N, C-alpha and C. Protein backbone atom coordinates (compact mmCIF):
# COMPACT_ATOMS: atom_id res chain seq x y z
N MET A 1 0.84 -1.19 0.00
CA MET A 1 0.00 0.00 0.00
C MET A 1 0.88 1.25 0.00
N SER A 2 0.38 2.31 -0.59
CA SER A 2 1.08 3.60 -0.58
C SER A 2 0.04 4.68 -0.43
N ASP A 3 0.41 5.93 -0.71
CA ASP A 3 -0.55 7.03 -0.58
C ASP A 3 -1.81 6.73 -1.38
N ILE A 4 -2.95 7.09 -0.81
CA ILE A 4 -4.23 6.87 -1.48
C ILE A 4 -4.82 8.20 -1.91
N VAL A 5 -5.03 8.37 -3.20
CA VAL A 5 -5.69 9.58 -3.70
C VAL A 5 -7.19 9.37 -3.57
N VAL A 6 -7.78 10.07 -2.62
CA VAL A 6 -9.22 9.93 -2.36
C VAL A 6 -10.02 10.70 -3.39
N GLN A 7 -9.51 11.85 -3.77
CA GLN A 7 -10.19 12.66 -4.80
C GLN A 7 -9.16 13.39 -5.66
N GLN A 8 -9.31 13.22 -6.97
CA GLN A 8 -8.55 13.98 -7.95
C GLN A 8 -9.55 14.80 -8.74
N PRO A 9 -9.64 16.11 -8.51
CA PRO A 9 -10.65 16.91 -9.21
C PRO A 9 -10.42 16.91 -10.72
N ALA A 10 -11.49 17.18 -11.44
CA ALA A 10 -11.42 17.15 -12.90
C ALA A 10 -10.45 18.20 -13.44
N GLY A 11 -10.49 19.39 -12.85
CA GLY A 11 -9.60 20.45 -13.28
C GLY A 11 -8.38 20.56 -12.38
N SER A 12 -7.70 21.68 -12.45
CA SER A 12 -6.55 21.90 -11.59
C SER A 12 -7.02 22.04 -10.14
N PRO A 13 -6.39 21.32 -9.21
CA PRO A 13 -6.81 21.43 -7.81
C PRO A 13 -6.66 22.85 -7.29
N GLN A 14 -7.65 23.29 -6.54
CA GLN A 14 -7.60 24.60 -5.92
C GLN A 14 -7.17 24.51 -4.45
N GLN A 15 -7.29 23.32 -3.88
CA GLN A 15 -6.86 23.07 -2.51
C GLN A 15 -6.21 21.70 -2.43
N LEU A 16 -5.44 21.50 -1.36
CA LEU A 16 -4.78 20.23 -1.15
C LEU A 16 -4.98 19.81 0.30
N PHE A 17 -5.60 18.64 0.49
CA PHE A 17 -5.76 18.06 1.82
C PHE A 17 -4.88 16.81 1.92
N LEU A 18 -3.96 16.81 2.87
CA LEU A 18 -3.11 15.65 3.11
C LEU A 18 -3.43 15.08 4.48
N LEU A 19 -3.85 13.81 4.51
CA LEU A 19 -4.28 13.15 5.74
C LEU A 19 -3.16 12.23 6.24
N HIS A 20 -2.90 12.27 7.54
CA HIS A 20 -1.78 11.51 8.12
C HIS A 20 -2.28 10.65 9.27
N HIS A 21 -2.14 9.34 9.13
CA HIS A 21 -2.67 8.38 10.09
C HIS A 21 -1.81 8.26 11.35
N GLY A 22 -2.29 7.47 12.29
CA GLY A 22 -1.56 7.22 13.52
C GLY A 22 -0.60 6.06 13.40
N VAL A 23 0.21 5.82 14.44
CA VAL A 23 1.19 4.75 14.43
C VAL A 23 0.48 3.39 14.39
N GLY A 24 1.00 2.49 13.57
CA GLY A 24 0.42 1.17 13.44
C GLY A 24 -0.79 1.10 12.55
N ALA A 25 -1.13 2.21 11.90
CA ALA A 25 -2.31 2.27 11.03
C ALA A 25 -1.87 2.37 9.57
N THR A 26 -2.84 2.49 8.68
CA THR A 26 -2.58 2.61 7.25
C THR A 26 -3.38 3.78 6.69
N PRO A 27 -3.04 4.22 5.48
CA PRO A 27 -3.81 5.32 4.87
C PRO A 27 -5.29 5.00 4.72
N GLN A 28 -5.63 3.72 4.58
CA GLN A 28 -7.02 3.33 4.38
C GLN A 28 -7.90 3.79 5.54
N GLY A 29 -7.34 3.85 6.74
CA GLY A 29 -8.12 4.21 7.92
C GLY A 29 -8.72 5.61 7.87
N LEU A 30 -8.08 6.52 7.15
CA LEU A 30 -8.57 7.90 7.08
C LEU A 30 -9.31 8.19 5.77
N VAL A 31 -9.53 7.16 4.96
CA VAL A 31 -10.26 7.37 3.71
C VAL A 31 -11.69 7.87 3.95
N PRO A 32 -12.43 7.35 4.96
CA PRO A 32 -13.77 7.91 5.19
C PRO A 32 -13.75 9.41 5.48
N LEU A 33 -12.79 9.87 6.27
CA LEU A 33 -12.64 11.31 6.51
C LEU A 33 -12.32 12.02 5.20
N GLY A 34 -11.44 11.41 4.40
CA GLY A 34 -11.08 12.01 3.12
C GLY A 34 -12.26 12.13 2.18
N ARG A 35 -13.12 11.13 2.19
CA ARG A 35 -14.30 11.18 1.32
C ARG A 35 -15.24 12.30 1.73
N ARG A 36 -15.38 12.50 3.03
CA ARG A 36 -16.23 13.60 3.49
C ARG A 36 -15.64 14.94 3.07
N LEU A 37 -14.33 15.10 3.24
CA LEU A 37 -13.69 16.34 2.81
C LEU A 37 -13.82 16.53 1.31
N ALA A 38 -13.72 15.45 0.56
CA ALA A 38 -13.87 15.54 -0.89
C ALA A 38 -15.27 16.03 -1.26
N GLY A 39 -16.27 15.56 -0.54
CA GLY A 39 -17.63 16.01 -0.82
C GLY A 39 -17.85 17.46 -0.48
N GLU A 40 -17.18 17.93 0.55
CA GLU A 40 -17.33 19.32 0.97
C GLU A 40 -16.49 20.28 0.13
N PHE A 41 -15.37 19.78 -0.41
CA PHE A 41 -14.45 20.63 -1.17
C PHE A 41 -14.16 19.94 -2.51
N PRO A 42 -15.08 20.05 -3.46
CA PRO A 42 -14.97 19.30 -4.72
C PRO A 42 -13.78 19.69 -5.60
N ASP A 43 -13.21 20.87 -5.36
CA ASP A 43 -12.06 21.30 -6.17
C ASP A 43 -10.72 20.93 -5.52
N ALA A 44 -10.78 20.15 -4.43
CA ALA A 44 -9.56 19.82 -3.69
C ALA A 44 -9.00 18.46 -4.11
N LEU A 45 -7.68 18.38 -4.13
CA LEU A 45 -6.99 17.09 -4.21
C LEU A 45 -6.90 16.57 -2.77
N VAL A 46 -7.43 15.39 -2.53
CA VAL A 46 -7.45 14.81 -1.18
C VAL A 46 -6.65 13.52 -1.20
N VAL A 47 -5.62 13.46 -0.33
CA VAL A 47 -4.71 12.32 -0.33
C VAL A 47 -4.52 11.82 1.10
N SER A 48 -4.66 10.52 1.30
CA SER A 48 -4.32 9.90 2.57
C SER A 48 -2.91 9.34 2.45
N VAL A 49 -2.00 9.85 3.27
CA VAL A 49 -0.57 9.61 3.11
C VAL A 49 -0.11 8.42 3.97
N GLU A 50 0.77 7.64 3.42
CA GLU A 50 1.33 6.50 4.15
C GLU A 50 2.58 6.91 4.92
N GLY A 51 2.67 6.51 6.19
CA GLY A 51 3.89 6.74 6.96
C GLY A 51 5.08 6.09 6.29
N PRO A 52 6.28 6.65 6.45
CA PRO A 52 7.44 6.19 5.69
C PRO A 52 8.08 4.90 6.18
N GLN A 53 7.72 4.46 7.39
CA GLN A 53 8.35 3.27 7.95
C GLN A 53 7.31 2.21 8.30
N ALA A 54 7.68 0.95 8.19
CA ALA A 54 6.84 -0.11 8.73
C ALA A 54 6.81 0.05 10.25
N SER A 55 5.62 -0.10 10.83
CA SER A 55 5.48 0.13 12.27
C SER A 55 6.18 -0.94 13.09
N ASP A 56 6.80 -0.51 14.18
CA ASP A 56 7.42 -1.43 15.12
C ASP A 56 6.37 -2.25 15.88
N LEU A 57 5.11 -1.88 15.74
CA LEU A 57 4.04 -2.57 16.46
C LEU A 57 3.57 -3.84 15.75
N GLY A 58 4.17 -4.12 14.58
CA GLY A 58 3.87 -5.37 13.90
C GLY A 58 2.84 -5.24 12.79
N GLN A 59 2.26 -4.08 12.65
CA GLN A 59 1.31 -3.85 11.56
C GLN A 59 1.29 -2.37 11.23
N GLY A 60 0.89 -2.04 10.01
CA GLY A 60 0.75 -0.64 9.63
C GLY A 60 2.09 0.08 9.50
N PHE A 61 2.01 1.40 9.59
CA PHE A 61 3.16 2.25 9.33
C PHE A 61 3.32 3.30 10.43
N GLN A 62 4.44 4.01 10.38
CA GLN A 62 4.73 5.02 11.40
C GLN A 62 5.63 6.09 10.81
N TRP A 63 5.63 7.24 11.49
CA TRP A 63 6.60 8.30 11.17
C TRP A 63 7.83 8.20 12.07
N PHE A 64 7.63 7.69 13.26
CA PHE A 64 8.77 7.45 14.16
C PHE A 64 8.38 6.33 15.12
N SER A 65 9.39 5.69 15.68
CA SER A 65 9.15 4.57 16.59
C SER A 65 8.66 5.06 17.95
N VAL A 66 7.73 4.31 18.52
CA VAL A 66 7.27 4.63 19.88
C VAL A 66 7.79 3.61 20.89
N ILE A 67 8.61 2.67 20.44
CA ILE A 67 9.18 1.68 21.35
C ILE A 67 10.14 2.37 22.32
N GLY A 68 9.86 2.29 23.60
CA GLY A 68 10.73 2.89 24.61
C GLY A 68 10.71 4.41 24.63
N ILE A 69 9.71 5.01 24.02
CA ILE A 69 9.69 6.47 23.93
C ILE A 69 9.38 7.09 25.29
N THR A 70 9.97 8.25 25.55
CA THR A 70 9.74 9.01 26.78
C THR A 70 9.48 10.46 26.43
N GLU A 71 9.05 11.23 27.41
CA GLU A 71 8.86 12.67 27.18
C GLU A 71 10.16 13.31 26.72
N GLU A 72 11.28 12.82 27.23
CA GLU A 72 12.58 13.41 26.88
C GLU A 72 13.03 13.02 25.48
N SER A 73 12.71 11.80 25.05
CA SER A 73 13.19 11.34 23.74
C SER A 73 12.24 11.67 22.59
N ARG A 74 10.98 11.99 22.88
CA ARG A 74 10.00 12.24 21.82
C ARG A 74 10.43 13.40 20.90
N PRO A 75 10.84 14.57 21.44
CA PRO A 75 11.22 15.66 20.53
C PRO A 75 12.32 15.28 19.56
N GLU A 76 13.30 14.50 20.03
CA GLU A 76 14.41 14.10 19.16
C GLU A 76 13.92 13.18 18.05
N ARG A 77 13.03 12.26 18.38
CA ARG A 77 12.52 11.34 17.37
C ARG A 77 11.67 12.08 16.34
N VAL A 78 10.87 13.01 16.80
CA VAL A 78 10.05 13.80 15.87
C VAL A 78 10.95 14.64 14.97
N ALA A 79 11.96 15.26 15.55
CA ALA A 79 12.88 16.11 14.77
C ALA A 79 13.57 15.29 13.68
N ALA A 80 13.91 14.06 13.99
CA ALA A 80 14.58 13.21 12.99
C ALA A 80 13.63 12.85 11.85
N ALA A 81 12.33 12.72 12.15
CA ALA A 81 11.35 12.35 11.13
C ALA A 81 10.84 13.54 10.34
N LEU A 82 11.01 14.75 10.86
CA LEU A 82 10.38 15.92 10.27
C LEU A 82 10.87 16.26 8.86
N PRO A 83 12.16 16.17 8.54
CA PRO A 83 12.57 16.49 7.17
C PRO A 83 11.86 15.65 6.12
N GLY A 84 11.69 14.36 6.37
CA GLY A 84 10.98 13.50 5.43
C GLY A 84 9.51 13.87 5.32
N PHE A 85 8.91 14.25 6.44
CA PHE A 85 7.51 14.68 6.43
C PHE A 85 7.36 15.93 5.58
N VAL A 86 8.24 16.90 5.77
CA VAL A 86 8.20 18.15 5.01
C VAL A 86 8.38 17.87 3.51
N GLN A 87 9.32 17.03 3.18
CA GLN A 87 9.57 16.70 1.77
C GLN A 87 8.36 16.05 1.13
N ALA A 88 7.67 15.18 1.87
CA ALA A 88 6.49 14.51 1.32
C ALA A 88 5.37 15.51 1.05
N VAL A 89 5.18 16.47 1.95
CA VAL A 89 4.18 17.51 1.74
C VAL A 89 4.54 18.35 0.51
N GLN A 90 5.78 18.75 0.44
CA GLN A 90 6.21 19.58 -0.69
C GLN A 90 6.12 18.83 -2.01
N ALA A 91 6.33 17.52 -1.99
CA ALA A 91 6.22 16.73 -3.22
C ALA A 91 4.78 16.74 -3.74
N TRP A 92 3.80 16.63 -2.83
CA TRP A 92 2.40 16.69 -3.25
C TRP A 92 2.01 18.10 -3.68
N GLN A 93 2.59 19.11 -3.06
CA GLN A 93 2.32 20.48 -3.49
C GLN A 93 2.86 20.71 -4.90
N ALA A 94 4.06 20.21 -5.18
CA ALA A 94 4.63 20.36 -6.51
C ALA A 94 3.81 19.59 -7.55
N ARG A 95 3.38 18.41 -7.17
CA ARG A 95 2.60 17.57 -8.10
C ARG A 95 1.24 18.18 -8.40
N SER A 96 0.63 18.82 -7.40
CA SER A 96 -0.73 19.37 -7.56
C SER A 96 -0.74 20.81 -8.05
N GLY A 97 0.38 21.52 -7.86
CA GLY A 97 0.42 22.94 -8.19
C GLY A 97 -0.27 23.80 -7.14
N VAL A 98 -0.51 23.24 -5.96
CA VAL A 98 -1.16 23.97 -4.87
C VAL A 98 -0.09 24.42 -3.86
N GLY A 99 -0.11 25.70 -3.51
CA GLY A 99 0.86 26.24 -2.58
C GLY A 99 0.46 26.06 -1.13
N PRO A 100 1.32 26.48 -0.20
CA PRO A 100 1.05 26.32 1.22
C PRO A 100 -0.25 26.97 1.69
N GLU A 101 -0.58 28.15 1.17
CA GLU A 101 -1.77 28.87 1.64
C GLU A 101 -3.03 28.03 1.47
N ALA A 102 -3.10 27.22 0.41
CA ALA A 102 -4.28 26.42 0.13
C ALA A 102 -4.09 24.95 0.50
N THR A 103 -3.08 24.67 1.32
CA THR A 103 -2.81 23.31 1.79
C THR A 103 -3.30 23.15 3.22
N ALA A 104 -3.97 22.03 3.48
CA ALA A 104 -4.38 21.68 4.84
C ALA A 104 -3.76 20.34 5.21
N LEU A 105 -3.07 20.30 6.34
CA LEU A 105 -2.52 19.05 6.86
C LEU A 105 -3.44 18.55 7.96
N VAL A 106 -3.96 17.35 7.79
CA VAL A 106 -4.86 16.76 8.77
C VAL A 106 -4.18 15.52 9.34
N GLY A 107 -4.04 15.47 10.65
CA GLY A 107 -3.36 14.33 11.26
C GLY A 107 -4.13 13.76 12.42
N PHE A 108 -4.04 12.44 12.58
CA PHE A 108 -4.62 11.76 13.73
C PHE A 108 -3.50 11.12 14.53
N SER A 109 -3.49 11.35 15.85
CA SER A 109 -2.53 10.74 16.76
C SER A 109 -1.09 11.07 16.34
N GLN A 110 -0.28 10.07 15.96
CA GLN A 110 1.09 10.38 15.56
C GLN A 110 1.12 11.28 14.34
N GLY A 111 0.17 11.10 13.44
CA GLY A 111 0.09 11.99 12.28
C GLY A 111 -0.18 13.42 12.69
N ALA A 112 -0.96 13.60 13.77
CA ALA A 112 -1.22 14.95 14.29
C ALA A 112 0.03 15.55 14.91
N ILE A 113 0.81 14.72 15.59
CA ILE A 113 2.08 15.21 16.14
C ILE A 113 2.96 15.77 15.03
N MET A 114 3.10 15.03 13.95
CA MET A 114 3.94 15.47 12.84
C MET A 114 3.41 16.76 12.22
N ALA A 115 2.08 16.81 12.02
CA ALA A 115 1.50 18.01 11.41
C ALA A 115 1.70 19.23 12.31
N LEU A 116 1.48 19.06 13.61
CA LEU A 116 1.68 20.18 14.54
C LEU A 116 3.14 20.62 14.58
N GLU A 117 4.04 19.67 14.70
CA GLU A 117 5.46 20.02 14.79
C GLU A 117 5.99 20.65 13.51
N SER A 118 5.32 20.38 12.38
CA SER A 118 5.77 20.99 11.12
C SER A 118 5.61 22.50 11.15
N THR A 119 4.76 23.01 12.05
CA THR A 119 4.59 24.46 12.15
C THR A 119 5.72 25.11 12.95
N GLN A 120 6.60 24.30 13.52
CA GLN A 120 7.69 24.83 14.34
C GLN A 120 9.02 24.87 13.59
N GLN A 121 8.99 24.58 12.31
CA GLN A 121 10.21 24.68 11.50
C GLN A 121 10.06 25.84 10.52
N PRO A 122 11.16 26.35 9.97
CA PRO A 122 11.11 27.60 9.20
C PRO A 122 10.25 27.56 7.94
N THR A 123 10.16 26.41 7.28
CA THR A 123 9.45 26.33 6.01
C THR A 123 7.94 26.46 6.23
N TYR A 124 7.31 27.34 5.47
CA TYR A 124 5.86 27.51 5.52
C TYR A 124 5.23 26.39 4.71
N LEU A 125 4.52 25.48 5.40
CA LEU A 125 3.98 24.29 4.75
C LEU A 125 2.49 24.38 4.46
N ALA A 126 1.71 24.96 5.37
CA ALA A 126 0.26 24.84 5.23
C ALA A 126 -0.47 26.00 5.88
N GLY A 127 -1.58 26.39 5.23
CA GLY A 127 -2.42 27.44 5.80
C GLY A 127 -3.27 26.93 6.94
N ARG A 128 -3.54 25.61 6.94
CA ARG A 128 -4.35 24.99 8.00
C ARG A 128 -3.70 23.71 8.47
N VAL A 129 -3.75 23.49 9.77
CA VAL A 129 -3.35 22.22 10.35
C VAL A 129 -4.48 21.76 11.26
N VAL A 130 -4.96 20.54 11.02
CA VAL A 130 -6.02 19.96 11.84
C VAL A 130 -5.42 18.79 12.60
N ALA A 131 -5.40 18.89 13.91
CA ALA A 131 -4.81 17.85 14.77
C ALA A 131 -5.91 17.14 15.54
N LEU A 132 -6.07 15.85 15.27
CA LEU A 132 -7.08 15.04 15.92
C LEU A 132 -6.39 14.10 16.91
N SER A 133 -6.76 14.20 18.18
CA SER A 133 -6.19 13.34 19.22
C SER A 133 -4.66 13.38 19.19
N GLY A 134 -4.12 14.58 19.06
CA GLY A 134 -2.68 14.73 18.95
C GLY A 134 -2.09 15.64 20.01
N ARG A 135 -0.84 16.01 19.81
CA ARG A 135 -0.13 16.88 20.73
C ARG A 135 1.14 17.39 20.06
N PHE A 136 1.71 18.44 20.60
CA PHE A 136 3.06 18.85 20.23
C PHE A 136 4.04 17.95 20.97
N ALA A 137 5.20 17.71 20.37
CA ALA A 137 6.23 16.95 21.06
C ALA A 137 6.71 17.71 22.30
N GLN A 138 6.70 19.02 22.18
CA GLN A 138 6.98 19.90 23.32
C GLN A 138 6.23 21.20 23.05
N LEU A 139 6.00 22.00 24.09
CA LEU A 139 5.22 23.20 23.88
C LEU A 139 5.80 24.05 22.76
N PRO A 140 4.97 24.55 21.86
CA PRO A 140 5.46 25.31 20.71
C PRO A 140 6.18 26.57 21.14
N ARG A 141 7.22 26.90 20.39
CA ARG A 141 8.01 28.09 20.70
C ARG A 141 7.31 29.37 20.23
N ALA A 142 6.68 29.27 19.07
CA ALA A 142 6.02 30.45 18.51
C ALA A 142 5.01 29.99 17.46
N PRO A 143 3.93 30.73 17.27
CA PRO A 143 2.98 30.38 16.23
C PRO A 143 3.52 30.76 14.86
N HIS A 144 3.07 30.06 13.83
CA HIS A 144 3.41 30.47 12.47
C HIS A 144 2.39 31.51 12.04
N ALA A 145 2.85 32.63 11.56
CA ALA A 145 1.97 33.77 11.28
C ALA A 145 0.90 33.46 10.22
N HIS A 146 1.15 32.48 9.36
CA HIS A 146 0.23 32.21 8.26
C HIS A 146 -0.50 30.88 8.39
N THR A 147 -0.43 30.26 9.55
CA THR A 147 -1.05 28.95 9.75
C THR A 147 -2.11 29.01 10.83
N THR A 148 -3.29 28.50 10.52
CA THR A 148 -4.37 28.35 11.49
C THR A 148 -4.37 26.92 12.00
N LEU A 149 -4.46 26.76 13.31
CA LEU A 149 -4.46 25.43 13.92
C LEU A 149 -5.84 25.10 14.46
N HIS A 150 -6.33 23.91 14.13
CA HIS A 150 -7.58 23.40 14.67
C HIS A 150 -7.26 22.10 15.42
N MET A 151 -7.47 22.11 16.73
CA MET A 151 -7.15 20.94 17.55
C MET A 151 -8.45 20.36 18.11
N VAL A 152 -8.62 19.04 17.95
CA VAL A 152 -9.81 18.34 18.43
C VAL A 152 -9.34 17.13 19.24
N HIS A 153 -9.91 16.97 20.43
CA HIS A 153 -9.45 15.89 21.30
C HIS A 153 -10.63 15.34 22.10
N GLY A 154 -10.60 14.06 22.38
CA GLY A 154 -11.62 13.44 23.20
C GLY A 154 -11.26 13.48 24.67
N LYS A 155 -12.22 13.80 25.51
CA LYS A 155 -11.96 13.86 26.95
C LYS A 155 -11.77 12.46 27.53
N ALA A 156 -12.22 11.43 26.81
CA ALA A 156 -12.06 10.06 27.27
C ALA A 156 -10.90 9.35 26.56
N ASP A 157 -10.01 10.11 25.95
CA ASP A 157 -8.88 9.54 25.22
C ASP A 157 -7.92 8.89 26.22
N GLY A 158 -7.78 7.57 26.13
CA GLY A 158 -6.89 6.86 27.03
C GLY A 158 -5.50 6.64 26.46
N VAL A 159 -5.26 7.09 25.25
CA VAL A 159 -3.95 6.92 24.60
C VAL A 159 -3.13 8.20 24.71
N MET A 160 -3.75 9.33 24.43
CA MET A 160 -3.09 10.63 24.48
C MET A 160 -4.01 11.59 25.22
N HIS A 161 -3.64 12.00 26.40
CA HIS A 161 -4.53 12.77 27.27
C HIS A 161 -4.91 14.11 26.63
N TYR A 162 -6.17 14.45 26.77
CA TYR A 162 -6.66 15.70 26.18
C TYR A 162 -6.00 16.93 26.77
N GLY A 163 -5.42 16.80 27.94
CA GLY A 163 -4.75 17.94 28.57
C GLY A 163 -3.62 18.51 27.73
N TYR A 164 -3.00 17.67 26.89
CA TYR A 164 -1.94 18.17 26.00
C TYR A 164 -2.51 19.21 25.03
N THR A 165 -3.71 18.97 24.54
CA THR A 165 -4.35 19.91 23.62
C THR A 165 -4.72 21.19 24.36
N VAL A 166 -5.29 21.07 25.54
CA VAL A 166 -5.71 22.24 26.31
C VAL A 166 -4.50 23.12 26.65
N THR A 167 -3.45 22.50 27.15
CA THR A 167 -2.25 23.26 27.53
C THR A 167 -1.62 23.95 26.33
N ALA A 168 -1.51 23.21 25.21
CA ALA A 168 -0.90 23.79 24.01
C ALA A 168 -1.74 24.93 23.47
N ALA A 169 -3.06 24.76 23.47
CA ALA A 169 -3.93 25.82 22.95
C ALA A 169 -3.84 27.08 23.81
N GLU A 170 -3.85 26.92 25.13
CA GLU A 170 -3.72 28.09 26.01
C GLU A 170 -2.39 28.79 25.78
N HIS A 171 -1.34 28.00 25.61
CA HIS A 171 -0.01 28.56 25.37
C HIS A 171 0.03 29.31 24.04
N LEU A 172 -0.56 28.71 23.01
CA LEU A 172 -0.58 29.35 21.70
C LEU A 172 -1.37 30.64 21.70
N VAL A 173 -2.50 30.64 22.39
CA VAL A 173 -3.31 31.86 22.49
C VAL A 173 -2.50 32.97 23.14
N SER A 174 -1.73 32.62 24.17
CA SER A 174 -0.90 33.62 24.85
C SER A 174 0.17 34.19 23.94
N LEU A 175 0.52 33.43 22.89
CA LEU A 175 1.53 33.87 21.93
C LEU A 175 0.91 34.59 20.73
N GLY A 176 -0.43 34.67 20.73
CA GLY A 176 -1.11 35.36 19.63
C GLY A 176 -1.41 34.50 18.43
N ALA A 177 -1.42 33.18 18.62
CA ALA A 177 -1.66 32.27 17.50
C ALA A 177 -3.12 32.26 17.09
N ASP A 178 -3.36 31.80 15.87
CA ASP A 178 -4.71 31.58 15.37
C ASP A 178 -5.02 30.11 15.60
N VAL A 179 -5.79 29.81 16.65
CA VAL A 179 -6.00 28.43 17.04
C VAL A 179 -7.40 28.23 17.58
N THR A 180 -7.98 27.08 17.25
CA THR A 180 -9.23 26.64 17.89
C THR A 180 -8.93 25.31 18.57
N ALA A 181 -9.58 25.06 19.69
CA ALA A 181 -9.38 23.81 20.41
C ALA A 181 -10.74 23.33 20.91
N ASP A 182 -11.09 22.11 20.56
CA ASP A 182 -12.36 21.52 20.96
C ASP A 182 -12.10 20.21 21.70
N VAL A 183 -12.64 20.11 22.91
CA VAL A 183 -12.56 18.88 23.69
C VAL A 183 -13.96 18.28 23.73
N ILE A 184 -14.09 17.05 23.26
CA ILE A 184 -15.39 16.40 23.13
C ILE A 184 -15.60 15.41 24.26
N PRO A 185 -16.63 15.58 25.08
CA PRO A 185 -16.90 14.64 26.18
C PRO A 185 -17.16 13.22 25.65
N PHE A 186 -16.66 12.24 26.38
CA PHE A 186 -16.91 10.81 26.11
C PHE A 186 -16.22 10.29 24.85
N LEU A 187 -15.53 11.15 24.11
CA LEU A 187 -14.83 10.69 22.91
C LEU A 187 -13.50 10.05 23.31
N ALA A 188 -13.23 8.85 22.77
CA ALA A 188 -11.97 8.17 23.02
C ALA A 188 -10.95 8.54 21.93
N HIS A 189 -9.95 7.69 21.75
CA HIS A 189 -8.88 7.93 20.78
C HIS A 189 -9.37 7.42 19.43
N GLU A 190 -10.18 8.24 18.74
CA GLU A 190 -10.85 7.78 17.54
C GLU A 190 -11.33 8.97 16.71
N VAL A 191 -11.66 8.66 15.46
CA VAL A 191 -12.25 9.65 14.57
C VAL A 191 -13.67 9.21 14.28
N THR A 192 -14.63 9.87 14.90
CA THR A 192 -16.04 9.51 14.77
C THR A 192 -16.75 10.49 13.82
N PRO A 193 -17.98 10.19 13.43
CA PRO A 193 -18.73 11.15 12.61
C PRO A 193 -18.85 12.51 13.28
N GLU A 194 -18.94 12.55 14.60
CA GLU A 194 -19.01 13.84 15.31
C GLU A 194 -17.73 14.63 15.10
N VAL A 195 -16.59 13.94 15.15
CA VAL A 195 -15.31 14.60 14.91
C VAL A 195 -15.25 15.13 13.48
N VAL A 196 -15.66 14.32 12.53
CA VAL A 196 -15.62 14.73 11.13
C VAL A 196 -16.51 15.96 10.90
N ASP A 197 -17.70 15.95 11.49
CA ASP A 197 -18.59 17.10 11.36
C ASP A 197 -17.93 18.37 11.90
N LEU A 198 -17.25 18.24 13.03
CA LEU A 198 -16.59 19.39 13.64
C LEU A 198 -15.44 19.89 12.78
N VAL A 199 -14.67 18.98 12.23
CA VAL A 199 -13.57 19.36 11.34
C VAL A 199 -14.09 20.15 10.15
N VAL A 200 -15.14 19.65 9.54
CA VAL A 200 -15.74 20.34 8.38
C VAL A 200 -16.23 21.72 8.79
N GLU A 201 -16.88 21.81 9.96
CA GLU A 201 -17.39 23.10 10.42
C GLU A 201 -16.25 24.09 10.62
N ARG A 202 -15.18 23.65 11.21
CA ARG A 202 -14.03 24.54 11.44
C ARG A 202 -13.40 24.98 10.11
N LEU A 203 -13.24 24.05 9.20
CA LEU A 203 -12.61 24.37 7.93
C LEU A 203 -13.47 25.31 7.09
N ARG A 204 -14.78 25.15 7.15
CA ARG A 204 -15.66 25.94 6.31
C ARG A 204 -15.98 27.31 6.92
N ASN A 205 -16.04 27.40 8.22
CA ASN A 205 -16.60 28.61 8.85
C ASN A 205 -15.62 29.46 9.66
N HIS A 206 -14.44 28.92 9.95
CA HIS A 206 -13.49 29.72 10.73
C HIS A 206 -12.72 30.68 9.82
N LEU A 207 -12.87 31.97 10.06
CA LEU A 207 -12.12 32.97 9.29
C LEU A 207 -10.73 33.09 9.90
N PRO A 208 -9.68 32.76 9.13
CA PRO A 208 -8.34 32.86 9.69
C PRO A 208 -8.05 34.24 10.28
N LYS A 209 -7.38 34.25 11.38
CA LYS A 209 -7.10 35.48 12.12
C LYS A 209 -6.40 36.51 11.24
N ARG A 210 -5.47 36.06 10.40
CA ARG A 210 -4.72 37.01 9.56
C ARG A 210 -5.64 37.72 8.57
N HIS A 211 -6.67 37.02 8.08
CA HIS A 211 -7.62 37.64 7.15
C HIS A 211 -8.51 38.63 7.88
N TRP A 212 -8.93 38.27 9.08
CA TRP A 212 -9.78 39.16 9.87
C TRP A 212 -9.01 40.43 10.23
N GLU A 213 -7.76 40.27 10.63
CA GLU A 213 -6.95 41.44 11.00
C GLU A 213 -6.71 42.34 9.79
N ALA A 214 -6.48 41.75 8.63
CA ALA A 214 -6.25 42.56 7.42
C ALA A 214 -7.50 43.35 7.07
N ALA A 215 -8.68 42.71 7.20
CA ALA A 215 -9.93 43.40 6.91
C ALA A 215 -10.17 44.52 7.91
N GLN A 216 -9.85 44.27 9.18
CA GLN A 216 -10.02 45.29 10.21
C GLN A 216 -9.11 46.49 9.96
N GLN A 217 -7.87 46.22 9.60
CA GLN A 217 -6.93 47.31 9.34
C GLN A 217 -7.38 48.13 8.14
N SER A 218 -7.92 47.45 7.14
CA SER A 218 -8.40 48.14 5.96
C SER A 218 -9.59 49.05 6.31
N ALA A 219 -10.48 48.54 7.16
CA ALA A 219 -11.65 49.32 7.56
C ALA A 219 -11.25 50.53 8.40
N GLU A 220 -10.26 50.31 9.27
CA GLU A 220 -9.83 51.41 10.15
C GLU A 220 -9.10 52.50 9.38
N SER A 221 -8.43 52.12 8.29
CA SER A 221 -7.68 53.11 7.53
C SER A 221 -8.60 54.02 6.72
N GLY A 222 -9.83 53.52 6.44
CA GLY A 222 -10.81 54.32 5.74
C GLY A 222 -10.50 54.45 4.27
N PRO A 223 -11.36 55.09 3.51
CA PRO A 223 -11.14 55.27 2.06
C PRO A 223 -9.95 56.17 1.79
N ALA A 224 -9.33 55.91 0.69
CA ALA A 224 -8.19 56.74 0.30
C ALA A 224 -8.68 58.14 -0.03
N PRO A 225 -7.88 59.19 0.29
CA PRO A 225 -8.29 60.55 -0.02
C PRO A 225 -8.35 60.77 -1.53
N GLU A 226 -9.31 61.59 -1.93
CA GLU A 226 -9.47 61.86 -3.38
C GLU A 226 -8.58 63.02 -3.79
């Protein structure tokens, strides 16, 4: 198995959605989410991406090994995997002709970790990052000025505690980031129809902070003198 193209629009893609699965999973697992996104965004190229390594868990794929992982070793493992993650995103951008502004990275669990951490490196990769049941490897140093973050987590997640999302979101807000964070009661470590509905709502209805600020500045400056 390799990357799965869920939707290839008839014309030139106007948006690019790249979906990233969790450790031990395959691209097929996020195809239902991809199909929903395809229905909502018919001009988008939607791809479910395969992790670059066979999983140490005996099935599926991974971006980095979780065997023996600790809070101290996680950032190093993510940093080692990040260049390959960035290259894979850029390869799909080059193939589709879609730039970072119209690219959305959607990740679940380990895929969410990679998508979130990609905002902490110098290269501008995506206008939107959607993190489902994920976390930063360590608290973010600074927000990316052109990236909106949407974080969704289940309060009953027994694999990755929702507190990581709450803490990161509060920290990002204090830094002036454009971020939304939703904690869903009774949701475990999973992508349910409720999660998919929320992702679509955020993607369709959230006005990025940078666009709102630009409109506000334009309004405050008033019409140009004649």
